[in-house]
Amino acid sequence: MQINKELILRVAKNARLSLNDEEINKFIEDFKEILKSFSAINNVNTDNVKPSFQPINIKNSLREDSPKECVSQEEILKNAKHKKGDYFLGPKAL
């Protein structure tokens, strides 16, 4: 990838930045240095290395769903301070 003024201006436009010529030249050098640092990854030998998408094995940690006896509506509402009929009473929504 070639780092030039047009690329920097395109990135600046996407980021809604207004850059002067001095800042553009600085970003050109900075981007070149960043790409140079990342290019070291291309030299790493990855033959016979299986891809790893997660650092640890993921297993299903959910319990089995088993039916149980429910609590009655009266028992749930017996300690409710704000109720109306068979329901909880909440604040009005505008």
PDB file of N, CA and C in Angstrom:
ATOM      1  N   MET A   1       0.844  -1.172   0.000  1.00  0.00           N
ATOM      2  CA  MET A   1       0.000   0.000   0.000  1.00  0.00           C
ATOM      3  C   MET A   1       0.891   1.238   0.000  1.00  0.00           C
ATOM      4  N   GLN A   2       0.547   2.142  -0.878  1.00  0.00           N
ATOM      5  CA  GLN A   2       1.334   3.358  -0.979  1.00  0.00           C
ATOM      6  C   GLN A   2       0.681   4.441  -0.124  1.00  0.00           C
ATOM      7  N   ILE A   3       1.488   5.024   0.736  1.00  0.00           N
ATOM      8  CA  ILE A   3       1.010   6.093   1.600  1.00  0.00           C
ATOM      9  C   ILE A   3       1.350   7.410   0.919  1.00  0.00           C
ATOM     10  N   ASN A   4       0.315   8.159   0.561  1.00  0.00           N
ATOM     11  CA  ASN A   4       0.542   9.445  -0.073  1.00  0.00           C
ATOM     12  C   ASN A   4      -0.476  10.455   0.437  1.00  0.00           C
ATOM     13  N   LYS A   5      -0.389  11.655  -0.105  1.00  0.00           N
ATOM     14  CA  LYS A   5      -1.242  12.751   0.360  1.00  0.00           C
ATOM     15  C   LYS A   5      -2.723  12.441   0.123  1.00  0.00           C
ATOM     16  N   GLU A   6      -3.042  11.809  -1.016  1.00  0.00           N
ATOM     17  CA  GLU A   6      -4.435  11.500  -1.322  1.00  0.00           C
ATOM     18  C   GLU A   6      -5.037  10.532  -0.299  1.00  0.00           C
ATOM     19  N   LEU A   7      -4.248   9.522   0.107  1.00  0.00           N
ATOM     20  CA  LEU A   7      -4.719   8.570   1.116  1.00  0.00           C
ATOM     21  C   LEU A   7      -4.984   9.267   2.444  1.00  0.00           C
ATOM     22  N   ILE A   8      -4.065  10.123   2.850  1.00  0.00           N
ATOM     23  CA  ILE A   8      -4.229  10.845   4.122  1.00  0.00           C
ATOM     24  C   ILE A   8      -5.459  11.744   4.061  1.00  0.00           C
ATOM     25  N   LEU A   9      -5.663  12.416   2.935  1.00  0.00           N
ATOM     26  CA  LEU A   9      -6.828  13.288   2.806  1.00  0.00           C
ATOM     27  C   LEU A   9      -8.129  12.488   2.824  1.00  0.00           C
ATOM     28  N   ARG A  10      -8.130  11.285   2.241  1.00  0.00           N
ATOM     29  CA  ARG A  10      -9.317  10.428   2.263  1.00  0.00           C
ATOM     30  C   ARG A  10      -9.623   9.965   3.686  1.00  0.00           C
ATOM     31  N   VAL A  11      -8.577   9.568   4.412  1.00  0.00           N
ATOM     32  CA  VAL A  11      -8.772   9.150   5.808  1.00  0.00           C
ATOM     33  C   VAL A  11      -9.246  10.330   6.646  1.00  0.00           C
ATOM     34  N   ALA A  12      -8.656  11.499   6.423  1.00  0.00           N
ATOM     35  CA  ALA A  12      -9.059  12.689   7.172  1.00  0.00           C
ATOM     36  C   ALA A  12     -10.506  13.056   6.884  1.00  0.00           C
ATOM     37  N   LYS A  13     -10.929  12.911   5.636  1.00  0.00           N
ATOM     38  CA  LYS A  13     -12.317  13.222   5.288  1.00  0.00           C
ATOM     39  C   LYS A  13     -13.265  12.261   6.003  1.00  0.00           C
ATOM     40  N   ASN A  14     -12.929  10.957   6.021  1.00  0.00           N
ATOM     41  CA  ASN A  14     -13.771   9.976   6.710  1.00  0.00           C
ATOM     42  C   ASN A  14     -13.844  10.247   8.206  1.00  0.00           C
ATOM     43  N   ALA A  15     -12.738  10.749   8.767  1.00  0.00           N
ATOM     44  CA  ALA A  15     -12.702  11.053  10.201  1.00  0.00           C
ATOM     45  C   ALA A  15     -13.175  12.477  10.496  1.00  0.00           C
ATOM     46  N   ARG A  16     -13.579  13.187   9.435  1.00  0.00           N
ATOM     47  CA  ARG A  16     -14.040  14.578   9.562  1.00  0.00           C
ATOM     48  C   ARG A  16     -12.988  15.459  10.213  1.00  0.00           C
ATOM     49  N   LEU A  17     -11.767  15.325   9.720  1.00  0.00           N
ATOM     50  CA  LEU A  17     -10.652  16.135  10.203  1.00  0.00           C
ATOM     51  C   LEU A  17     -10.233  17.095   9.103  1.00  0.00           C
ATOM     52  N   SER A  18      -9.889  18.294   9.495  1.00  0.00           N
ATOM     53  CA  SER A  18      -9.303  19.223   8.526  1.00  0.00           C
ATOM     54  C   SER A  18      -7.822  19.358   8.896  1.00  0.00           C
ATOM     55  N   LEU A  19      -6.961  18.970   7.967  1.00  0.00           N
ATOM     56  CA  LEU A  19      -5.526  18.948   8.225  1.00  0.00           C
ATOM     57  C   LEU A  19      -4.822  19.966   7.338  1.00  0.00           C
ATOM     58  N   ASN A  20      -3.796  20.601   7.902  1.00  0.00           N
ATOM     59  CA  ASN A  20      -2.969  21.486   7.082  1.00  0.00           C
ATOM     60  C   ASN A  20      -1.824  20.674   6.478  1.00  0.00           C
ATOM     61  N   ASP A  21      -1.031  21.284   5.625  1.00  0.00           N
ATOM     62  CA  ASP A  21       0.049  20.568   4.918  1.00  0.00           C
ATOM     63  C   ASP A  21       1.075  19.973   5.872  1.00  0.00           C
ATOM     64  N   GLU A  22       1.362  20.668   6.959  1.00  0.00           N
ATOM     65  CA  GLU A  22       2.337  20.164   7.940  1.00  0.00           C
ATOM     66  C   GLU A  22       1.822  18.886   8.603  1.00  0.00           C
ATOM     67  N   GLU A  23       0.554  18.885   8.963  1.00  0.00           N
ATOM     68  CA  GLU A  23      -0.046  17.706   9.592  1.00  0.00           C
ATOM     69  C   GLU A  23      -0.135  16.541   8.607  1.00  0.00           C
ATOM     70  N   ILE A  24      -0.440  16.834   7.365  1.00  0.00           N
ATOM     71  CA  ILE A  24      -0.510  15.782   6.346  1.00  0.00           C
ATOM     72  C   ILE A  24       0.844  15.111   6.189  1.00  0.00           C
ATOM     73  N   ASN A  25       1.899  15.895   6.106  1.00  0.00           N
ATOM     74  CA  ASN A  25       3.249  15.331   5.965  1.00  0.00           C
ATOM     75  C   ASN A  25       3.631  14.497   7.183  1.00  0.00           C
ATOM     76  N   LYS A  26       3.230  14.956   8.372  1.00  0.00           N
ATOM     77  CA  LYS A  26       3.530  14.192   9.585  1.00  0.00           C
ATOM     78  C   LYS A  26       2.785  12.853   9.562  1.00  0.00           C
ATOM     79  N   PHE A  27       1.505  12.871   9.162  1.00  0.00           N
ATOM     80  CA  PHE A  27       0.727  11.637   9.097  1.00  0.00           C
ATOM     81  C   PHE A  27       1.270  10.673   8.055  1.00  0.00           C
ATOM     82  N   ILE A  28       1.777  11.186   6.956  1.00  0.00           N
ATOM     83  CA  ILE A  28       2.379  10.309   5.946  1.00  0.00           C
ATOM     84  C   ILE A  28       3.520   9.521   6.560  1.00  0.00           C
ATOM     85  N   GLU A  29       4.402  10.201   7.278  1.00  0.00           N
ATOM     86  CA  GLU A  29       5.538   9.531   7.925  1.00  0.00           C
ATOM     87  C   GLU A  29       5.062   8.569   9.013  1.00  0.00           C
ATOM     88  N   ASP A  30       4.069   8.995   9.788  1.00  0.00           N
ATOM     89  CA  ASP A  30       3.543   8.129  10.853  1.00  0.00           C
ATOM     90  C   ASP A  30       2.914   6.855  10.277  1.00  0.00           C
ATOM     91  N   PHE A  31       2.135   6.987   9.217  1.00  0.00           N
ATOM     92  CA  PHE A  31       1.504   5.814   8.603  1.00  0.00           C
ATOM     93  C   PHE A  31       2.548   4.867   8.028  1.00  0.00           C
ATOM     94  N   LYS A  32       3.589   5.417   7.430  1.00  0.00           N
ATOM     95  CA  LYS A  32       4.661   4.577   6.889  1.00  0.00           C
ATOM     96  C   LYS A  32       5.330   3.784   8.004  1.00  0.00           C
ATOM     97  N   GLU A  33       5.557   4.420   9.135  1.00  0.00           N
ATOM     98  CA  GLU A  33       6.186   3.750  10.276  1.00  0.00           C
ATOM     99  C   GLU A  33       5.277   2.650  10.833  1.00  0.00           C
ATOM    100  N   ILE A  34       3.986   2.919  10.886  1.00  0.00           N
ATOM    101  CA  ILE A  34       3.029   1.919  11.378  1.00  0.00           C
ATOM    102  C   ILE A  34       3.007   0.702  10.461  1.00  0.00           C
ATOM    103  N   LEU A  35       2.940   0.938   9.152  1.00  0.00           N
ATOM    104  CA  LEU A  35       2.941  -0.182   8.204  1.00  0.00           C
ATOM    105  C   LEU A  35       4.246  -0.958   8.255  1.00  0.00           C
ATOM    106  N   LYS A  36       5.334  -0.263   8.477  1.00  0.00           N
ATOM    107  CA  LYS A  36       6.629  -0.935   8.589  1.00  0.00           C
ATOM    108  C   LYS A  36       6.636  -1.859   9.813  1.00  0.00           C
ATOM    109  N   SER A  37       6.070  -1.399  10.911  1.00  0.00           N
ATOM    110  CA  SER A  37       6.009  -2.219  12.121  1.00  0.00           C
ATOM    111  C   SER A  37       5.131  -3.448  11.915  1.00  0.00           C
ATOM    112  N   PHE A  38       3.996  -3.280  11.262  1.00  0.00           N
ATOM    113  CA  PHE A  38       3.102  -4.406  11.028  1.00  0.00           C
ATOM    114  C   PHE A  38       3.631  -5.365   9.976  1.00  0.00           C
ATOM    115  N   SER A  39       4.504  -4.906   9.098  1.00  0.00           N
ATOM    116  CA  SER A  39       5.033  -5.802   8.069  1.00  0.00           C
ATOM    117  C   SER A  39       5.917  -6.888   8.679  1.00  0.00           C
ATOM    118  N   ALA A  40       6.385  -6.697   9.904  1.00  0.00           N
ATOM    119  CA  ALA A  40       7.181  -7.726  10.584  1.00  0.00           C
ATOM    120  C   ALA A  40       6.347  -8.991  10.804  1.00  0.00           C
ATOM    121  N   ILE A  41       5.051  -8.849  10.889  1.00  0.00           N
ATOM    122  CA  ILE A  41       4.168 -10.008  11.081  1.00  0.00           C
ATOM    123  C   ILE A  41       4.232 -10.932   9.868  1.00  0.00           C
ATOM    124  N   ASN A  42       4.436 -10.366   8.685  1.00  0.00           N
ATOM    125  CA  ASN A  42       4.508 -11.181   7.470  1.00  0.00           C
ATOM    126  C   ASN A  42       5.701 -12.131   7.479  1.00  0.00           C
ATOM    127  N   ASN A  43       6.725 -11.848   8.266  1.00  0.00           N
ATOM    128  CA  ASN A  43       7.920 -12.678   8.301  1.00  0.00           C
ATOM    129  C   ASN A  43       7.828 -13.846   9.278  1.00  0.00           C
ATOM    130  N   VAL A  44       6.750 -13.915  10.035  1.00  0.00           N
ATOM    131  CA  VAL A  44       6.585 -14.974  11.018  1.00  0.00           C
ATOM    132  C   VAL A  44       6.153 -16.261  10.309  1.00  0.00           C
ATOM    133  N   ASN A  45       6.803 -17.375  10.635  1.00  0.00           N
ATOM    134  CA  ASN A  45       6.472 -18.665  10.044  1.00  0.00           C
ATOM    135  C   ASN A  45       5.251 -19.243  10.753  1.00  0.00           C
ATOM    136  N   THR A  46       4.179 -19.394  10.002  1.00  0.00           N
ATOM    137  CA  THR A  46       2.939 -19.913  10.581  1.00  0.00           C
ATOM    138  C   THR A  46       2.554 -21.266   9.995  1.00  0.00           C
ATOM    139  N   ASP A  47       3.514 -21.947   9.386  1.00  0.00           N
ATOM    140  CA  ASP A  47       3.235 -23.284   8.860  1.00  0.00           C
ATOM    141  C   ASP A  47       2.931 -24.229  10.014  1.00  0.00           C
ATOM    142  N   ASN A  48       1.985 -25.116   9.810  1.00  0.00           N
ATOM    143  CA  ASN A  48       1.579 -26.115  10.804  1.00  0.00           C
ATOM    144  C   ASN A  48       1.026 -25.504  12.092  1.00  0.00           C
ATOM    145  N   VAL A  49       0.496 -24.295  11.998  1.00  0.00           N
ATOM    146  CA  VAL A  49      -0.127 -23.655  13.157  1.00  0.00           C
ATOM    147  C   VAL A  49      -1.621 -23.594  12.887  1.00  0.00           C
ATOM    148  N   LYS A  50      -2.389 -24.208  13.778  1.00  0.00           N
ATOM    149  CA  LYS A  50      -3.832 -24.198  13.619  1.00  0.00           C
ATOM    150  C   LYS A  50      -4.381 -22.829  14.010  1.00  0.00           C
ATOM    151  N   PRO A  51      -5.379 -22.340  13.292  1.00  0.00           N
ATOM    152  CA  PRO A  51      -5.973 -21.047  13.652  1.00  0.00           C
ATOM    153  C   PRO A  51      -6.618 -21.111  15.028  1.00  0.00           C
ATOM    154  N   SER A  52      -6.494 -20.051  15.760  1.00  0.00           N
ATOM    155  CA  SER A  52      -7.084 -19.964  17.092  1.00  0.00           C
ATOM    156  C   SER A  52      -7.995 -18.746  17.132  1.00  0.00           C
ATOM    157  N   PHE A  53      -9.275 -18.999  17.218  1.00  0.00           N
ATOM    158  CA  PHE A  53     -10.227 -17.903  17.225  1.00  0.00           C
ATOM    159  C   PHE A  53     -10.594 -17.493  18.645  1.00  0.00           C
ATOM    160  N   GLN A  54     -10.343 -18.358  19.612  1.00  0.00           N
ATOM    161  CA  GLN A  54     -10.604 -18.058  21.012  1.00  0.00           C
ATOM    162  C   GLN A  54      -9.388 -18.487  21.826  1.00  0.00           C
ATOM    163  N   PRO A  55      -8.957 -17.693  22.792  1.00  0.00           N
ATOM    164  CA  PRO A  55      -7.802 -18.078  23.595  1.00  0.00           C
ATOM    165  C   PRO A  55      -8.062 -19.261  24.521  1.00  0.00           C
ATOM    166  N   ILE A  56      -9.331 -19.478  24.862  1.00  0.00           N
ATOM    167  CA  ILE A  56      -9.687 -20.616  25.711  1.00  0.00           C
ATOM    168  C   ILE A  56     -10.837 -21.369  25.054  1.00  0.00           C
ATOM    169  N   ASN A  57     -10.992 -22.618  25.402  1.00  0.00           N
ATOM    170  CA  ASN A  57     -12.105 -23.392  24.867  1.00  0.00           C
ATOM    171  C   ASN A  57     -13.413 -22.888  25.455  1.00  0.00           C
ATOM    172  N   ILE A  58     -14.390 -22.764  24.591  1.00  0.00           N
ATOM    173  CA  ILE A  58     -15.701 -22.296  25.040  1.00  0.00           C
ATOM    174  C   ILE A  58     -16.629 -23.500  25.100  1.00  0.00           C
ATOM    175  N   LYS A  59     -17.301 -23.629  26.228  1.00  0.00           N
ATOM    176  CA  LYS A  59     -18.270 -24.699  26.361  1.00  0.00           C
ATOM    177  C   LYS A  59     -19.593 -24.091  26.808  1.00  0.00           C
ATOM    178  N   ASN A  60     -20.641 -24.792  26.558  1.00  0.00           N
ATOM    179  CA  ASN A  60     -21.950 -24.323  26.932  1.00  0.00           C
ATOM    180  C   ASN A  60     -22.065 -24.358  28.456  1.00  0.00           C
ATOM    181  N   SER A  61     -22.217 -23.206  29.069  1.00  0.00           N
ATOM    182  CA  SER A  61     -22.283 -23.152  30.527  1.00  0.00           C
ATOM    183  C   SER A  61     -23.715 -23.017  31.036  1.00  0.00           C
ATOM    184  N   LEU A  62     -24.672 -23.196  30.145  1.00  0.00           N
ATOM    185  CA  LEU A  62     -26.066 -23.093  30.561  1.00  0.00           C
ATOM    186  C   LEU A  62     -26.554 -24.430  31.106  1.00  0.00           C
ATOM    187  N   ARG A  63     -27.446 -24.361  32.037  1.00  0.00           N
ATOM    188  CA  ARG A  63     -28.003 -25.582  32.613  1.00  0.00           C
ATOM    189  C   ARG A  63     -29.115 -26.104  31.722  1.00  0.00           C
ATOM    190  N   GLU A  64     -29.464 -27.326  31.934  1.00  0.00           N
ATOM    191  CA  GLU A  64     -30.588 -27.908  31.219  1.00  0.00           C
ATOM    192  C   GLU A  64     -31.874 -27.245  31.711  1.00  0.00           C
ATOM    193  N   ASP A  65     -32.780 -27.036  30.809  1.00  0.00           N
ATOM    194  CA  ASP A  65     -34.058 -26.445  31.164  1.00  0.00           C
ATOM    195  C   ASP A  65     -34.992 -27.551  31.642  1.00  0.00           C
ATOM    196  N   SER A  66     -35.387 -27.468  32.900  1.00  0.00           N
ATOM    197  CA  SER A  66     -36.289 -28.483  33.438  1.00  0.00           C
ATOM    198  C   SER A  66     -37.483 -27.791  34.091  1.00  0.00           C
ATOM    199  N   PRO A  67     -38.672 -28.252  33.813  1.00  0.00           N
ATOM    200  CA  PRO A  67     -39.873 -27.604  34.367  1.00  0.00           C
ATOM    201  C   PRO A  67     -39.957 -27.809  35.883  1.00  0.00           C
ATOM    202  N   LYS A  68     -40.386 -26.776  36.558  1.00  0.00           N
ATOM    203  CA  LYS A  68     -40.581 -26.829  38.012  1.00  0.00           C
ATOM    204  C   LYS A  68     -41.909 -26.181  38.347  1.00  0.00           C
ATOM    205  N   GLU A  69     -42.336 -26.347  39.575  1.00  0.00           N
ATOM    206  CA  GLU A  69     -43.594 -25.758  40.004  1.00  0.00           C
ATOM    207  C   GLU A  69     -43.430 -24.242  40.117  1.00  0.00           C
ATOM    208  N   CYS A  70     -44.418 -23.514  39.612  1.00  0.00           N
ATOM    209  CA  CYS A  70     -44.377 -22.050  39.620  1.00  0.00           C
ATOM    210  C   CYS A  70     -44.941 -21.501  40.933  1.00  0.00           C
ATOM    211  N   VAL A  71     -44.548 -20.299  41.251  1.00  0.00           N
ATOM    212  CA  VAL A  71     -45.097 -19.585  42.402  1.00  0.00           C
ATOM    213  C   VAL A  71     -46.405 -18.953  41.955  1.00  0.00           C
ATOM    214  N   SER A  72     -47.398 -18.945  42.829  1.00  0.00           N
ATOM    215  CA  SER A  72     -48.708 -18.405  42.457  1.00  0.00           C
ATOM    216  C   SER A  72     -48.656 -16.880  42.361  1.00  0.00           C
ATOM    217  N   GLN A  73     -49.582 -16.346  41.587  1.00  0.00           N
ATOM    218  CA  GLN A  73     -49.642 -14.899  41.397  1.00  0.00           C
ATOM    219  C   GLN A  73     -49.962 -14.200  42.717  1.00  0.00           C
ATOM    220  N   GLU A  74     -50.810 -14.779  43.511  1.00  0.00           N
ATOM    221  CA  GLU A  74     -51.165 -14.179  44.804  1.00  0.00           C
ATOM    222  C   GLU A  74     -49.947 -14.095  45.724  1.00  0.00           C
ATOM    223  N   GLU A  75     -49.136 -15.151  45.722  1.00  0.00           N
ATOM    224  CA  GLU A  75     -47.962 -15.165  46.581  1.00  0.00           C
ATOM    225  C   GLU A  75     -46.939 -14.112  46.134  1.00  0.00           C
ATOM    226  N   ILE A  76     -46.813 -13.930  44.842  1.00  0.00           N
ATOM    227  CA  ILE A  76     -45.874 -12.930  44.328  1.00  0.00           C
ATOM    228  C   ILE A  76     -46.344 -11.530  44.691  1.00  0.00           C
ATOM    229  N   LEU A  77     -47.627 -11.270  44.573  1.00  0.00           N
ATOM    230  CA  LEU A  77     -48.159  -9.925  44.797  1.00  0.00           C
ATOM    231  C   LEU A  77     -48.456  -9.604  46.263  1.00  0.00           C
ATOM    232  N   LYS A  78     -48.357 -10.582  47.164  1.00  0.00           N
ATOM    233  CA  LYS A  78     -48.788 -10.331  48.540  1.00  0.00           C
ATOM    234  C   LYS A  78     -47.939  -9.268  49.252  1.00  0.00           C
ATOM    235  N   ASN A  79     -46.677  -9.118  48.907  1.00  0.00           N
ATOM    236  CA  ASN A  79     -45.819  -8.120  49.553  1.00  0.00           C
ATOM    237  C   ASN A  79     -45.610  -6.867  48.703  1.00  0.00           C
ATOM    238  N   ALA A  80     -46.288  -6.783  47.566  1.00  0.00           N
ATOM    239  CA  ALA A  80     -46.125  -5.619  46.687  1.00  0.00           C
ATOM    240  C   ALA A  80     -46.822  -4.417  47.287  1.00  0.00           C
ATOM    241  N   LYS A  81     -46.103  -3.331  47.396  1.00  0.00           N
ATOM    242  CA  LYS A  81     -46.667  -2.120  47.964  1.00  0.00           C
ATOM    243  C   LYS A  81     -47.585  -1.434  46.948  1.00  0.00           C
ATOM    244  N   HIS A  82     -47.185  -1.449  45.689  1.00  0.00           N
ATOM    245  CA  HIS A  82     -47.952  -0.799  44.634  1.00  0.00           C
ATOM    246  C   HIS A  82     -48.490  -1.867  43.680  1.00  0.00           C
ATOM    247  N   LYS A  83     -49.782  -2.121  43.781  1.00  0.00           N
ATOM    248  CA  LYS A  83     -50.401  -3.091  42.883  1.00  0.00           C
ATOM    249  C   LYS A  83     -51.806  -2.627  42.572  1.00  0.00           C
ATOM    250  N   LYS A  84     -52.291  -3.105  41.437  1.00  0.00           N
ATOM    251  CA  LYS A  84     -53.652  -2.790  41.031  1.00  0.00           C
ATOM    252  C   LYS A  84     -54.247  -4.053  40.468  1.00  0.00           C
ATOM    253  N   GLY A  85     -55.203  -4.593  41.168  1.00  0.00           N
ATOM    254  CA  GLY A  85     -55.800  -5.847  40.741  1.00  0.00           C
ATOM    255  C   GLY A  85     -54.771  -6.967  40.839  1.00  0.00           C
ATOM    256  N   ASP A  86     -54.561  -7.648  39.746  1.00  0.00           N
ATOM    257  CA  ASP A  86     -53.621  -8.773  39.734  1.00  0.00           C
ATOM    258  C   ASP A  86     -52.268  -8.396  39.127  1.00  0.00           C
ATOM    259  N   TYR A  87     -51.925  -7.106  39.104  1.00  0.00           N
ATOM    260  CA  TYR A  87     -50.688  -6.663  38.464  1.00  0.00           C
ATOM    261  C   TYR A  87     -49.918  -5.706  39.353  1.00  0.00           C
ATOM    262  N   PHE A  88     -48.609  -5.595  39.101  1.00  0.00           N
ATOM    263  CA  PHE A  88     -47.792  -4.571  39.741  1.00  0.00           C
ATOM    264  C   PHE A  88     -48.175  -3.221  39.144  1.00  0.00           C
ATOM    265  N   LEU A  89     -48.165  -2.195  39.963  1.00  0.00           N
ATOM    266  CA  LEU A  89     -48.479  -0.852  39.508  1.00  0.00           C
ATOM    267  C   LEU A  89     -47.169  -0.084  39.360  1.00  0.00           C
ATOM    268  N   GLY A  90     -46.915   0.435  38.171  1.00  0.00           N
ATOM    269  CA  GLY A  90     -45.680   1.162  37.912  1.00  0.00           C
ATOM    270  C   GLY A  90     -45.985   2.608  37.585  1.00  0.00           C
ATOM    271  N   PRO A  91     -44.954   3.408  37.382  1.00  0.00           N
ATOM    272  CA  PRO A  91     -45.174   4.813  37.062  1.00  0.00           C
ATOM    273  C   PRO A  91     -45.802   4.958  35.676  1.00  0.00           C
ATOM    274  N   LYS A  92     -46.523   6.047  35.468  1.00  0.00           N
ATOM    275  CA  LYS A  92     -47.153   6.297  34.192  1.00  0.00           C
ATOM    276  C   LYS A  92     -46.096   6.587  33.141  1.00  0.00           C
ATOM    277  N   ALA A  93     -46.321   6.076  31.953  1.00  0.00           N
ATOM    278  CA  ALA A  93     -45.417   6.347  30.831  1.00  0.00           C
ATOM    279  C   ALA A  93     -46.076   7.396  29.957  1.00  0.00           C
ATOM    280  N   LEU A  94     -45.321   8.404  29.618  1.00  0.00           N
ATOM    281  CA  LEU A  94     -45.893   9.474  28.786  1.00  0.00           C
ATOM    282  C   LEU A  94     -45.729   9.168  27.334  1.00  0.00           C
TER     283      LEU A  94
END
